[in-house]
Amino acid sequence: MRVTVNGAEAHIACCLAGAGLIQVPAYDVRPHLESGELVEVLPQYRAAPMTMALLFPQRPRLSRRVQVFAEWLEQLLLQQVCEGVTA
């Protein structure tokens, strides 16, 4: 069976339905791994982490709103994305 999807949620749903193996970011499947619905295989072959960036228009002075948002987003990503990442 061949399945084509265009999003992590559909990819995960196919895997949960038994359609095969997937390679997605750990934060997308963490609840399924913790509950035992999914099991990590071949952990020694994990893909290298991808860089994340916040893009905004360049200005001489960054607005306070953008600064606060960037700081909030950084903390959220550190908690949600980097949690459990091993080097």
Protein backbone atom coordinates (compact mmCIF):
# COMPACT_ATOMS: atom_id res chain seq x y z
CA MET A 1 0.00 0.00 0.00
CA ARG A 2 1.31 3.44 -0.91
CA VAL A 3 0.05 6.52 0.93
CA THR A 4 0.84 10.16 0.17
CA VAL A 5 0.22 12.83 2.81
CA ASN A 6 1.11 16.50 3.14
CA GLY A 7 1.18 16.99 6.89
CA ALA A 8 2.57 15.49 10.06
CA GLU A 9 -0.90 14.77 11.49
CA ALA A 10 -1.88 12.63 8.51
CA HIS A 11 1.51 10.94 8.56
CA ILE A 12 1.08 10.07 12.25
CA ALA A 13 -2.49 8.87 11.69
CA CYS A 14 -1.26 6.46 9.00
CA CYS A 15 1.40 5.13 11.33
CA LEU A 16 -1.11 4.69 14.18
CA ALA A 17 -3.32 2.76 11.73
CA GLY A 18 -0.46 0.38 11.05
CA ALA A 19 0.51 1.64 7.60
CA GLY A 20 4.25 1.57 8.30
CA LEU A 21 7.14 3.55 9.69
CA ILE A 22 7.41 7.34 9.78
CA GLN A 23 10.15 9.88 10.38
CA VAL A 24 8.78 13.01 12.03
CA PRO A 25 10.02 15.43 14.70
CA ALA A 26 9.88 13.90 18.19
CA TYR A 27 7.67 16.70 19.51
CA ASP A 28 4.95 15.68 17.03
CA VAL A 29 4.73 12.14 18.41
CA ARG A 30 5.85 12.58 22.03
CA PRO A 31 2.37 11.83 23.48
CA HIS A 32 2.10 8.67 21.36
CA LEU A 33 5.56 7.52 22.41
CA GLU A 34 4.80 8.18 26.09
CA SER A 35 1.50 6.27 25.91
CA GLY A 36 3.10 3.35 24.09
CA GLU A 37 0.94 3.74 20.97
CA LEU A 38 4.14 4.24 18.98
CA VAL A 39 7.62 2.87 19.58
CA GLU A 40 10.84 4.42 18.35
CA VAL A 41 12.87 2.14 16.12
CA LEU A 42 16.45 2.65 14.93
CA PRO A 43 17.22 5.54 17.34
CA GLN A 44 20.87 5.36 16.26
CA TYR A 45 19.77 6.66 12.82
CA ARG A 46 17.90 9.81 13.90
CA ALA A 47 18.00 12.67 11.44
CA ALA A 48 20.09 15.69 12.40
CA PRO A 49 18.08 18.49 14.08
CA MET A 50 16.83 21.22 11.76
CA THR A 51 17.39 24.91 12.41
CA MET A 52 14.36 27.04 13.31
CA ALA A 53 14.16 30.78 12.71
CA LEU A 54 11.76 33.63 13.38
CA LEU A 55 11.66 36.07 10.47
CA PHE A 56 10.48 39.66 10.73
CA PRO A 57 11.09 42.91 8.79
CA GLN A 58 14.43 44.53 9.52
CA ARG A 59 14.09 47.86 11.30
CA PRO A 60 16.55 50.07 13.18
CA ARG A 61 14.73 49.35 16.45
CA LEU A 62 12.78 46.19 17.06
CA SER A 63 9.32 46.87 18.51
CA ARG A 64 8.68 45.74 22.06
CA ARG A 65 5.83 43.51 20.85
CA VAL A 66 8.15 41.62 18.51
CA GLN A 67 10.80 41.34 21.24
CA VAL A 68 8.28 39.91 23.72
CA PHE A 69 6.88 37.52 21.11
CA ALA A 70 10.37 36.33 20.13
CA GLU A 71 11.28 35.71 23.77
CA TRP A 72 8.01 33.84 24.39
CA LEU A 73 8.48 31.74 21.25
CA GLU A 74 12.06 30.89 22.20
CA GLN A 75 10.96 29.63 25.61
CA LEU A 76 8.09 27.65 24.11
CA LEU A 77 10.39 26.00 21.58
CA LEU A 78 12.98 25.21 24.22
CA GLN A 79 10.30 23.49 26.31
CA GLN A 80 8.35 21.73 23.56
CA VAL A 81 10.87 21.04 20.82
CA CYS A 82 14.15 20.63 22.62
CA GLU A 83 12.74 18.61 25.51
CA GLY A 84 14.25 15.18 25.43
CA VAL A 85 16.74 15.98 22.69
CA THR A 86 20.07 14.29 23.25
CA ALA A 87 23.31 15.39 21.65
